Amino acid sequence: MAGLLFLIPIALGMGLIGLLAFLWAARSGQFDDPDGAANRILVDDDRPLPSSESRDSGE
């Protein structure tokens, strides 16, 4: 029974910290674009960069 007097306040404190962290994340815009990352992985925008040799050969 003495263990519960120790564990319950710790559990409530951790829950409060988690709630505060969630509220901070929501207010700072962490959840504004939930579909952006999911769509970004589908877009194939990997274009090879021009090599320095092709730029230098024109001189």
PDB file of N, CA and C in Angstrom:
ATOM      1  N   MET A   1       0.816  -1.192   0.000  1.00  0.00           N
ATOM      2  CA  MET A   1       0.000   0.000   0.000  1.00  0.00           C
ATOM      3  C   MET A   1       0.862   1.259   0.000  1.00  0.00           C
ATOM      4  N   ALA A   2       2.011   1.192   0.635  1.00  0.00           N
ATOM      5  CA  ALA A   2       2.888   2.361   0.670  1.00  0.00           C
ATOM      6  C   ALA A   2       3.463   2.642  -0.721  1.00  0.00           C
ATOM      7  N   GLY A   3       3.576   1.604  -1.527  1.00  0.00           N
ATOM      8  CA  GLY A   3       4.080   1.787  -2.886  1.00  0.00           C
ATOM      9  C   GLY A   3       3.144   2.608  -3.737  1.00  0.00           C
ATOM     10  N   LEU A   4       1.839   2.456  -3.515  1.00  0.00           N
ATOM     11  CA  LEU A   4       0.866   3.231  -4.272  1.00  0.00           C
ATOM     12  C   LEU A   4       0.959   4.709  -3.942  1.00  0.00           C
ATOM     13  N   LEU A   5       1.263   5.028  -2.710  1.00  0.00           N
ATOM     14  CA  LEU A   5       1.413   6.433  -2.340  1.00  0.00           C
ATOM     15  C   LEU A   5       2.599   7.063  -3.050  1.00  0.00           C
ATOM     16  N   PHE A   6       3.523   6.256  -3.478  1.00  0.00           N
ATOM     17  CA  PHE A   6       4.701   6.725  -4.206  1.00  0.00           C
ATOM     18  C   PHE A   6       4.443   6.740  -5.726  1.00  0.00           C
ATOM     19  N   LEU A   7       3.767   5.693  -6.221  1.00  0.00           N
ATOM     20  CA  LEU A   7       3.601   5.529  -7.664  1.00  0.00           C
ATOM     21  C   LEU A   7       2.487   6.397  -8.260  1.00  0.00           C
ATOM     22  N   ILE A   8       1.412   6.620  -7.537  1.00  0.00           N
ATOM     23  CA  ILE A   8       0.291   7.396  -8.090  1.00  0.00           C
ATOM     24  C   ILE A   8       0.699   8.836  -8.388  1.00  0.00           C
ATOM     25  N   PRO A   9       1.380   9.550  -7.502  1.00  0.00           N
ATOM     26  CA  PRO A   9       1.802  10.908  -7.874  1.00  0.00           C
ATOM     27  C   PRO A   9       2.797  10.934  -9.033  1.00  0.00           C
ATOM     28  N   ILE A  10       3.651   9.927  -9.117  1.00  0.00           N
ATOM     29  CA  ILE A  10       4.591   9.860 -10.240  1.00  0.00           C
ATOM     30  C   ILE A  10       3.826   9.651 -11.551  1.00  0.00           C
ATOM     31  N   ALA A  11       2.845   8.768 -11.545  1.00  0.00           N
ATOM     32  CA  ALA A  11       2.037   8.516 -12.752  1.00  0.00           C
ATOM     33  C   ALA A  11       1.253   9.762 -13.157  1.00  0.00           C
ATOM     34  N   LEU A  12       0.674  10.443 -12.187  1.00  0.00           N
ATOM     35  CA  LEU A  12      -0.062  11.666 -12.501  1.00  0.00           C
ATOM     36  C   LEU A  12       0.872  12.757 -13.034  1.00  0.00           C
ATOM     37  N   GLY A  13       2.050  12.861 -12.468  1.00  0.00           N
ATOM     38  CA  GLY A  13       3.025  13.844 -12.942  1.00  0.00           C
ATOM     39  C   GLY A  13       3.479  13.551 -14.364  1.00  0.00           C
ATOM     40  N   MET A  14       3.724  12.274 -14.653  1.00  0.00           N
ATOM     41  CA  MET A  14       4.134  11.914 -16.017  1.00  0.00           C
ATOM     42  C   MET A  14       3.006  12.167 -17.008  1.00  0.00           C
ATOM     43  N   GLY A  15       1.768  11.910 -16.599  1.00  0.00           N
ATOM     44  CA  GLY A  15       0.624  12.202 -17.464  1.00  0.00           C
ATOM     45  C   GLY A  15       0.491  13.691 -17.729  1.00  0.00           C
ATOM     46  N   LEU A  16       0.711  14.492 -16.695  1.00  0.00           N
ATOM     47  CA  LEU A  16       0.650  15.947 -16.857  1.00  0.00           C
ATOM     48  C   LEU A  16       1.761  16.445 -17.780  1.00  0.00           C
ATOM     49  N   ILE A  17       2.948  15.886 -17.641  1.00  0.00           N
ATOM     50  CA  ILE A  17       4.050  16.264 -18.534  1.00  0.00           C
ATOM     51  C   ILE A  17       3.730  15.887 -19.979  1.00  0.00           C
ATOM     52  N   GLY A  18       3.148  14.711 -20.181  1.00  0.00           N
ATOM     53  CA  GLY A  18       2.758  14.292 -21.529  1.00  0.00           C
ATOM     54  C   GLY A  18       1.691  15.188 -22.121  1.00  0.00           C
ATOM     55  N   LEU A  19       0.723  15.574 -21.306  1.00  0.00           N
ATOM     56  CA  LEU A  19      -0.328  16.467 -21.776  1.00  0.00           C
ATOM     57  C   LEU A  19       0.234  17.833 -22.140  1.00  0.00           C
ATOM     58  N   LEU A  20       1.120  18.352 -21.314  1.00  0.00           N
ATOM     59  CA  LEU A  20       1.738  19.643 -21.615  1.00  0.00           C
ATOM     60  C   LEU A  20       2.595  19.571 -22.883  1.00  0.00           C
ATOM     61  N   ALA A  21       3.305  18.467 -23.075  1.00  0.00           N
ATOM     62  CA  ALA A  21       4.109  18.308 -24.290  1.00  0.00           C
ATOM     63  C   ALA A  21       3.213  18.254 -25.528  1.00  0.00           C
ATOM     64  N   PHE A  22       2.078  17.566 -25.422  1.00  0.00           N
ATOM     65  CA  PHE A  22       1.147  17.506 -26.550  1.00  0.00           C
ATOM     66  C   PHE A  22       0.569  18.877 -26.859  1.00  0.00           C
ATOM     67  N   LEU A  23       0.173  19.604 -25.823  1.00  0.00           N
ATOM     68  CA  LEU A  23      -0.392  20.936 -26.047  1.00  0.00           C
ATOM     69  C   LEU A  23       0.646  21.881 -26.649  1.00  0.00           C
ATOM     70  N   TRP A  24       1.881  21.785 -26.196  1.00  0.00           N
ATOM     71  CA  TRP A  24       2.943  22.614 -26.775  1.00  0.00           C
ATOM     72  C   TRP A  24       3.143  22.279 -28.252  1.00  0.00           C
ATOM     73  N   ALA A  25       3.154  20.985 -28.580  1.00  0.00           N
ATOM     74  CA  ALA A  25       3.345  20.580 -29.972  1.00  0.00           C
ATOM     75  C   ALA A  25       2.181  21.039 -30.840  1.00  0.00           C
ATOM     76  N   ALA A  26       0.979  20.963 -30.320  1.00  0.00           N
ATOM     77  CA  ALA A  26      -0.191  21.386 -31.099  1.00  0.00           C
ATOM     78  C   ALA A  26      -0.170  22.892 -31.330  1.00  0.00           C
ATOM     79  N   ARG A  27       0.219  23.662 -30.339  1.00  0.00           N
ATOM     80  CA  ARG A  27       0.248  25.126 -30.501  1.00  0.00           C
ATOM     81  C   ARG A  27       1.401  25.593 -31.368  1.00  0.00           C
ATOM     82  N   SER A  28       2.495  24.824 -31.422  1.00  0.00           N
ATOM     83  CA  SER A  28       3.645  25.263 -32.210  1.00  0.00           C
ATOM     84  C   SER A  28       3.560  24.810 -33.666  1.00  0.00           C
ATOM     85  N   GLY A  29       2.471  24.145 -34.053  1.00  0.00           N
ATOM     86  CA  GLY A  29       2.259  23.814 -35.455  1.00  0.00           C
ATOM     87  C   GLY A  29       2.818  22.469 -35.889  1.00  0.00           C
ATOM     88  N   GLN A  30       3.070  21.567 -34.965  1.00  0.00           N
ATOM     89  CA  GLN A  30       3.623  20.266 -35.337  1.00  0.00           C
ATOM     90  C   GLN A  30       2.630  19.407 -36.108  1.00  0.00           C
ATOM     91  N   PHE A  31       1.351  19.648 -35.953  1.00  0.00           N
ATOM     92  CA  PHE A  31       0.330  18.817 -36.577  1.00  0.00           C
ATOM     93  C   PHE A  31      -0.415  19.560 -37.677  1.00  0.00           C
ATOM     94  N   ASP A  32       0.161  20.613 -38.235  1.00  0.00           N
ATOM     95  CA  ASP A  32      -0.529  21.405 -39.245  1.00  0.00           C
ATOM     96  C   ASP A  32      -0.654  20.688 -40.583  1.00  0.00           C
ATOM     97  N   ASP A  33       0.323  19.885 -40.967  1.00  0.00           N
ATOM     98  CA  ASP A  33       0.320  19.242 -42.283  1.00  0.00           C
ATOM     99  C   ASP A  33       0.565  17.745 -42.137  1.00  0.00           C
ATOM    100  N   PRO A  34      -0.421  16.984 -41.647  1.00  0.00           N
ATOM    101  CA  PRO A  34      -0.188  15.554 -41.434  1.00  0.00           C
ATOM    102  C   PRO A  34      -0.063  14.763 -42.738  1.00  0.00           C
ATOM    103  N   ASP A  35      -0.643  15.253 -43.832  1.00  0.00           N
ATOM    104  CA  ASP A  35      -0.577  14.515 -45.090  1.00  0.00           C
ATOM    105  C   ASP A  35       0.622  14.913 -45.934  1.00  0.00           C
ATOM    106  N   GLY A  36       1.318  15.960 -45.573  1.00  0.00           N
ATOM    107  CA  GLY A  36       2.444  16.437 -46.369  1.00  0.00           C
ATOM    108  C   GLY A  36       3.560  15.422 -46.484  1.00  0.00           C
ATOM    109  N   ALA A  37       3.961  14.836 -45.373  1.00  0.00           N
ATOM    110  CA  ALA A  37       5.045  13.852 -45.407  1.00  0.00           C
ATOM    111  C   ALA A  37       4.615  12.593 -46.149  1.00  0.00           C
ATOM    112  N   ALA A  38       3.360  12.212 -46.008  1.00  0.00           N
ATOM    113  CA  ALA A  38       2.874  11.026 -46.703  1.00  0.00           C
ATOM    114  C   ALA A  38       2.869  11.239 -48.215  1.00  0.00           C
ATOM    115  N   ASN A  39       2.549  12.436 -48.661  1.00  0.00           N
ATOM    116  CA  ASN A  39       2.544  12.718 -50.096  1.00  0.00           C
ATOM    117  C   ASN A  39       3.939  12.998 -50.623  1.00  0.00           C
ATOM    118  N   ARG A  40       4.790  13.557 -49.786  1.00  0.00           N
ATOM    119  CA  ARG A  40       6.137  13.906 -50.219  1.00  0.00           C
ATOM    120  C   ARG A  40       6.959  12.676 -50.597  1.00  0.00           C
ATOM    121  N   ILE A  41       6.681  11.544 -49.946  1.00  0.00           N
ATOM    122  CA  ILE A  41       7.450  10.339 -50.255  1.00  0.00           C
ATOM    123  C   ILE A  41       7.058   9.783 -51.626  1.00  0.00           C
ATOM    124  N   LEU A  42       5.866  10.135 -52.120  1.00  0.00           N
ATOM    125  CA  LEU A  42       5.412   9.633 -53.411  1.00  0.00           C
ATOM    126  C   LEU A  42       5.905  10.471 -54.582  1.00  0.00           C
ATOM    127  N   VAL A  43       6.305  11.700 -54.342  1.00  0.00           N
ATOM    128  CA  VAL A  43       6.738  12.598 -55.404  1.00  0.00           C
ATOM    129  C   VAL A  43       8.182  12.270 -55.774  1.00  0.00           C
ATOM    130  N   ASP A  44       8.404  12.059 -57.046  1.00  0.00           N
ATOM    131  CA  ASP A  44       9.743  11.720 -57.519  1.00  0.00           C
ATOM    132  C   ASP A  44      10.398  12.980 -58.064  1.00  0.00           C
ATOM    133  N   ASP A  45      11.055  13.719 -57.203  1.00  0.00           N
ATOM    134  CA  ASP A  45      11.716  14.936 -57.649  1.00  0.00           C
ATOM    135  C   ASP A  45      13.232  14.820 -57.552  1.00  0.00           C
ATOM    136  N   ASP A  46      13.715  13.599 -57.618  1.00  0.00           N
ATOM    137  CA  ASP A  46      15.158  13.376 -57.563  1.00  0.00           C
ATOM    138  C   ASP A  46      15.755  13.549 -58.958  1.00  0.00           C
ATOM    139  N   ARG A  47      16.191  14.740 -59.239  1.00  0.00           N
ATOM    140  CA  ARG A  47      16.837  15.013 -60.515  1.00  0.00           C
ATOM    141  C   ARG A  47      18.332  15.070 -60.290  1.00  0.00           C
ATOM    142  N   PRO A  48      19.102  14.486 -61.169  1.00  0.00           N
ATOM    143  CA  PRO A  48      20.554  14.558 -60.977  1.00  0.00           C
ATOM    144  C   PRO A  48      21.039  15.999 -61.119  1.00  0.00           C
ATOM    145  N   LEU A  49      21.917  16.379 -60.253  1.00  0.00           N
ATOM    146  CA  LEU A  49      22.487  17.716 -60.319  1.00  0.00           C
ATOM    147  C   LEU A  49      23.464  17.808 -61.484  1.00  0.00           C
ATOM    148  N   PRO A  50      23.551  18.951 -62.141  1.00  0.00           N
ATOM    149  CA  PRO A  50      24.525  19.077 -63.225  1.00  0.00           C
ATOM    150  C   PRO A  50      25.936  18.937 -62.670  1.00  0.00           C
ATOM    151  N   SER A  51      26.728  18.156 -63.373  1.00  0.00           N
ATOM    152  CA  SER A  51      28.090  17.944 -62.890  1.00  0.00           C
ATOM    153  C   SER A  51      28.937  19.179 -63.173  1.00  0.00           C
ATOM    154  N   SER A  52      29.985  19.340 -62.424  1.00  0.00           N
ATOM    155  CA  SER A  52      30.853  20.505 -62.599  1.00  0.00           C
ATOM    156  C   SER A  52      31.627  20.414 -63.910  1.00  0.00           C
ATOM    157  N   GLU A  53      31.826  19.192 -64.432  1.00  0.00           N
ATOM    158  CA  GLU A  53      32.547  19.033 -65.705  1.00  0.00           C
ATOM    159  C   GLU A  53      31.752  19.626 -66.862  1.00  0.00           C
ATOM    160  N   SER A  54      30.409  19.422 -66.858  1.00  0.00           N
ATOM    161  CA  SER A  54      29.627  19.937 -67.973  1.00  0.00           C
ATOM    162  C   SER A  54      29.537  21.456 -67.920  1.00  0.00           C
ATOM    163  N   ARG A  55      29.587  22.035 -66.741  1.00  0.00           N
ATOM    164  CA  ARG A  55      29.566  23.487 -66.634  1.00  0.00           C
ATOM    165  C   ARG A  55      30.921  24.068 -67.013  1.00  0.00           C
ATOM    166  N   ASP A  56      32.011  23.380 -66.673  1.00  0.00           N
ATOM    167  CA  ASP A  56      33.342  23.898 -66.942  1.00  0.00           C
ATOM    168  C   ASP A  56      33.763  23.706 -68.390  1.00  0.00           C
ATOM    169  N   SER A  57      33.155  22.757 -69.116  1.00  0.00           N
ATOM    170  CA  SER A  57      33.591  22.478 -70.477  1.00  0.00           C
ATOM    171  C   SER A  57      33.177  23.574 -71.450  1.00  0.00           C
ATOM    172  N   GLY A  58      32.214  24.394 -71.086  1.00  0.00           N
ATOM    173  CA  GLY A  58      31.761  25.462 -71.963  1.00  0.00           C
ATOM    174  C   GLY A  58      32.691  26.653 -71.991  1.00  0.00           C
ATOM    175  N   GLU A  59      33.690  26.691 -71.140  1.00  0.00           N
ATOM    176  CA  GLU A  59      34.586  27.863 -71.090  1.00  0.00           C
ATOM    177  C   GLU A  59      35.633  27.821 -72.150  1.00  0.00           C
TER     178      GLU A  59
END
